[in-house]
Amino acid sequence: MIEFRAIYENGVFRPTEPVELPEGCEVRIEAMVQDKPEVPSEHLRRIYALLSESFDTGDRNLAERHDEHQP
């Protein structure tokens, strides 16, 4: 028996570490919830809301300059 941790996202289980299994093999999973997902605090929700807003810089060539500060 192989035991590993995984996260359930979008209908699939995603292992949190490499799993030594042959590609395409069928497995039986017994799910045991380890901890509840954290609910973002009000402070983080406000930050996420700010980050999701668009900002007009007035610079129409911004996309062309996206790598400007890269080494």
N, C-alpha and C. Protein backbone atom coordinates (compact mmCIF):
# COMPACT_ATOMS: atom_id res chain seq x y z
N MET A 1 0.85 -1.18 0.00
CA MET A 1 0.00 0.00 0.00
C MET A 1 0.89 1.24 0.00
N ILE A 2 0.55 2.22 -0.82
CA ILE A 2 1.26 3.48 -0.89
C ILE A 2 0.36 4.55 -0.30
N GLU A 3 0.91 5.34 0.62
CA GLU A 3 0.14 6.42 1.22
C GLU A 3 0.75 7.75 0.80
N PHE A 4 -0.10 8.68 0.40
CA PHE A 4 0.39 10.01 0.02
C PHE A 4 -0.71 11.03 0.25
N ARG A 5 -0.31 12.28 0.36
CA ARG A 5 -1.26 13.38 0.53
C ARG A 5 -1.61 13.95 -0.84
N ALA A 6 -2.84 14.43 -0.97
CA ALA A 6 -3.28 15.03 -2.22
C ALA A 6 -4.26 16.14 -1.92
N ILE A 7 -4.46 16.99 -2.91
CA ILE A 7 -5.44 18.08 -2.82
C ILE A 7 -6.49 17.82 -3.89
N TYR A 8 -7.75 17.96 -3.52
CA TYR A 8 -8.85 17.76 -4.45
C TYR A 8 -9.20 19.11 -5.07
N GLU A 9 -9.00 19.24 -6.40
CA GLU A 9 -9.28 20.48 -7.12
C GLU A 9 -9.93 20.17 -8.45
N ASN A 10 -10.98 20.89 -8.77
CA ASN A 10 -11.63 20.77 -10.07
C ASN A 10 -11.95 19.33 -10.44
N GLY A 11 -12.37 18.54 -9.48
CA GLY A 11 -12.80 17.18 -9.76
C GLY A 11 -11.70 16.13 -9.82
N VAL A 12 -10.46 16.51 -9.53
CA VAL A 12 -9.36 15.53 -9.56
C VAL A 12 -8.51 15.66 -8.30
N PHE A 13 -7.86 14.55 -7.93
CA PHE A 13 -6.94 14.55 -6.80
C PHE A 13 -5.54 14.84 -7.34
N ARG A 14 -4.87 15.85 -6.78
CA ARG A 14 -3.53 16.24 -7.19
C ARG A 14 -2.57 15.94 -6.05
N PRO A 15 -1.66 14.96 -6.23
CA PRO A 15 -0.70 14.64 -5.17
C PRO A 15 0.16 15.85 -4.84
N THR A 16 0.50 16.02 -3.57
CA THR A 16 1.33 17.14 -3.15
C THR A 16 2.81 16.78 -3.18
N GLU A 17 3.12 15.54 -3.55
CA GLU A 17 4.49 15.06 -3.65
C GLU A 17 4.55 13.99 -4.74
N PRO A 18 5.73 13.67 -5.27
CA PRO A 18 5.82 12.63 -6.30
C PRO A 18 5.30 11.28 -5.77
N VAL A 19 4.64 10.53 -6.63
CA VAL A 19 4.08 9.23 -6.26
C VAL A 19 4.69 8.18 -7.19
N GLU A 20 5.24 7.13 -6.60
CA GLU A 20 5.87 6.06 -7.37
C GLU A 20 4.82 5.02 -7.78
N LEU A 21 4.14 5.28 -8.89
CA LEU A 21 3.15 4.37 -9.43
C LEU A 21 3.36 4.27 -10.93
N PRO A 22 3.06 3.10 -11.52
CA PRO A 22 3.16 3.00 -12.98
C PRO A 22 2.12 3.90 -13.65
N GLU A 23 2.52 4.55 -14.75
CA GLU A 23 1.62 5.44 -15.49
C GLU A 23 0.40 4.66 -15.96
N GLY A 24 -0.78 5.22 -15.73
CA GLY A 24 -2.03 4.63 -16.20
C GLY A 24 -2.60 3.53 -15.32
N CYS A 25 -1.97 3.27 -14.17
CA CYS A 25 -2.49 2.20 -13.32
C CYS A 25 -3.75 2.67 -12.60
N GLU A 26 -4.61 1.75 -12.27
CA GLU A 26 -5.84 2.06 -11.55
C GLU A 26 -5.59 1.89 -10.06
N VAL A 27 -6.11 2.82 -9.25
CA VAL A 27 -5.91 2.76 -7.81
C VAL A 27 -7.25 2.89 -7.10
N ARG A 28 -7.29 2.46 -5.86
CA ARG A 28 -8.46 2.65 -5.00
C ARG A 28 -8.06 3.66 -3.94
N ILE A 29 -8.87 4.69 -3.78
CA ILE A 29 -8.55 5.76 -2.83
C ILE A 29 -9.57 5.79 -1.71
N GLU A 30 -9.07 5.83 -0.49
CA GLU A 30 -9.92 6.06 0.68
C GLU A 30 -9.57 7.44 1.19
N ALA A 31 -10.44 8.39 0.96
CA ALA A 31 -10.15 9.78 1.30
C ALA A 31 -10.45 10.06 2.77
N MET A 32 -9.49 10.69 3.44
CA MET A 32 -9.65 11.13 4.81
C MET A 32 -9.24 12.60 4.85
N VAL A 33 -10.17 13.49 5.12
CA VAL A 33 -9.89 14.93 5.12
C VAL A 33 -8.94 15.23 6.27
N GLN A 34 -7.80 15.87 5.95
CA GLN A 34 -6.79 16.18 6.95
C GLN A 34 -7.08 17.50 7.66
N ASP A 35 -7.46 18.48 6.89
CA ASP A 35 -7.78 19.77 7.47
C ASP A 35 -8.68 20.52 6.50
N LYS A 36 -9.44 21.43 7.03
CA LYS A 36 -10.34 22.21 6.20
C LYS A 36 -9.55 23.29 5.48
N PRO A 37 -9.91 23.61 4.23
CA PRO A 37 -9.23 24.71 3.54
C PRO A 37 -9.42 26.01 4.31
N GLU A 38 -8.37 26.81 4.35
CA GLU A 38 -8.46 28.08 5.05
C GLU A 38 -9.34 29.06 4.29
N VAL A 39 -10.19 29.75 5.02
CA VAL A 39 -10.99 30.81 4.43
C VAL A 39 -10.19 32.09 4.55
N PRO A 40 -9.99 32.81 3.45
CA PRO A 40 -9.19 34.04 3.54
C PRO A 40 -9.81 35.03 4.52
N SER A 41 -8.96 35.72 5.26
CA SER A 41 -9.43 36.74 6.19
C SER A 41 -10.02 37.91 5.40
N GLU A 42 -10.73 38.77 6.09
CA GLU A 42 -11.30 39.95 5.44
C GLU A 42 -10.20 40.81 4.83
N HIS A 43 -9.07 40.89 5.51
CA HIS A 43 -7.93 41.65 5.00
C HIS A 43 -7.45 41.07 3.66
N LEU A 44 -7.28 39.76 3.59
CA LEU A 44 -6.85 39.13 2.34
C LEU A 44 -7.91 39.28 1.25
N ARG A 45 -9.17 39.18 1.61
CA ARG A 45 -10.24 39.35 0.61
C ARG A 45 -10.18 40.75 0.00
N ARG A 46 -9.88 41.75 0.81
CA ARG A 46 -9.76 43.12 0.28
C ARG A 46 -8.56 43.23 -0.65
N ILE A 47 -7.45 42.60 -0.29
CA ILE A 47 -6.27 42.62 -1.15
C ILE A 47 -6.58 41.93 -2.48
N TYR A 48 -7.22 40.74 -2.44
CA TYR A 48 -7.58 40.02 -3.67
C TYR A 48 -8.51 40.87 -4.54
N ALA A 49 -9.43 41.58 -3.91
CA ALA A 49 -10.35 42.43 -4.67
C ALA A 49 -9.58 43.56 -5.37
N LEU A 50 -8.63 44.16 -4.66
CA LEU A 50 -7.81 45.21 -5.28
C LEU A 50 -6.97 44.67 -6.43
N LEU A 51 -6.40 43.49 -6.25
CA LEU A 51 -5.57 42.91 -7.29
C LEU A 51 -6.37 42.51 -8.53
N SER A 52 -7.65 42.26 -8.36
CA SER A 52 -8.46 41.85 -9.51
C SER A 52 -8.97 43.05 -10.32
N GLU A 53 -8.78 44.26 -9.79
CA GLU A 53 -9.23 45.44 -10.52
C GLU A 53 -8.22 45.81 -11.60
N SER A 54 -8.74 46.38 -12.68
CA SER A 54 -7.84 46.86 -13.73
C SER A 54 -7.43 48.29 -13.41
N PHE A 55 -6.32 48.71 -13.95
CA PHE A 55 -5.80 50.03 -13.69
C PHE A 55 -5.34 50.62 -15.02
N ASP A 56 -5.83 51.76 -15.37
CA ASP A 56 -5.45 52.40 -16.62
C ASP A 56 -4.26 53.31 -16.36
N THR A 57 -3.09 52.93 -16.89
CA THR A 57 -1.88 53.72 -16.70
C THR A 57 -1.78 54.84 -17.72
N GLY A 58 -2.59 54.74 -18.77
CA GLY A 58 -2.50 55.72 -19.83
C GLY A 58 -1.39 55.39 -20.83
N ASP A 59 -0.57 54.38 -20.53
CA ASP A 59 0.52 53.97 -21.42
C ASP A 59 -0.01 52.92 -22.38
N ARG A 60 -0.17 53.26 -23.63
CA ARG A 60 -0.73 52.34 -24.62
C ARG A 60 0.29 51.32 -25.12
N ASN A 61 1.57 51.51 -24.79
CA ASN A 61 2.62 50.59 -25.23
C ASN A 61 3.09 49.67 -24.10
N LEU A 62 2.31 49.54 -23.06
CA LEU A 62 2.73 48.78 -21.89
C LEU A 62 3.00 47.32 -22.22
N ALA A 63 2.17 46.71 -23.06
CA ALA A 63 2.37 45.30 -23.41
C ALA A 63 3.69 45.10 -24.13
N GLU A 64 4.10 46.05 -24.93
CA GLU A 64 5.37 45.94 -25.66
C GLU A 64 6.56 46.06 -24.71
N ARG A 65 6.36 46.66 -23.55
CA ARG A 65 7.45 46.92 -22.61
C ARG A 65 7.45 45.96 -21.42
N HIS A 66 6.70 44.86 -21.48
CA HIS A 66 6.54 44.02 -20.29
C HIS A 66 7.84 43.39 -19.81
N ASP A 67 8.85 43.23 -20.67
CA ASP A 67 10.14 42.65 -20.25
C ASP A 67 11.21 43.72 -20.01
N GLU A 68 10.83 44.96 -19.99
CA GLU A 68 11.78 46.05 -19.91
C GLU A 68 12.73 45.97 -18.73
N HIS A 69 12.26 45.48 -17.59
CA HIS A 69 13.09 45.48 -16.39
C HIS A 69 13.71 44.11 -16.11
N GLN A 70 13.64 43.20 -17.06
CA GLN A 70 14.23 41.88 -16.90
C GLN A 70 15.71 41.93 -17.26
N PRO A 71 16.55 41.16 -16.57
CA PRO A 71 18.00 41.15 -16.88
C PRO A 71 18.27 40.53 -18.24
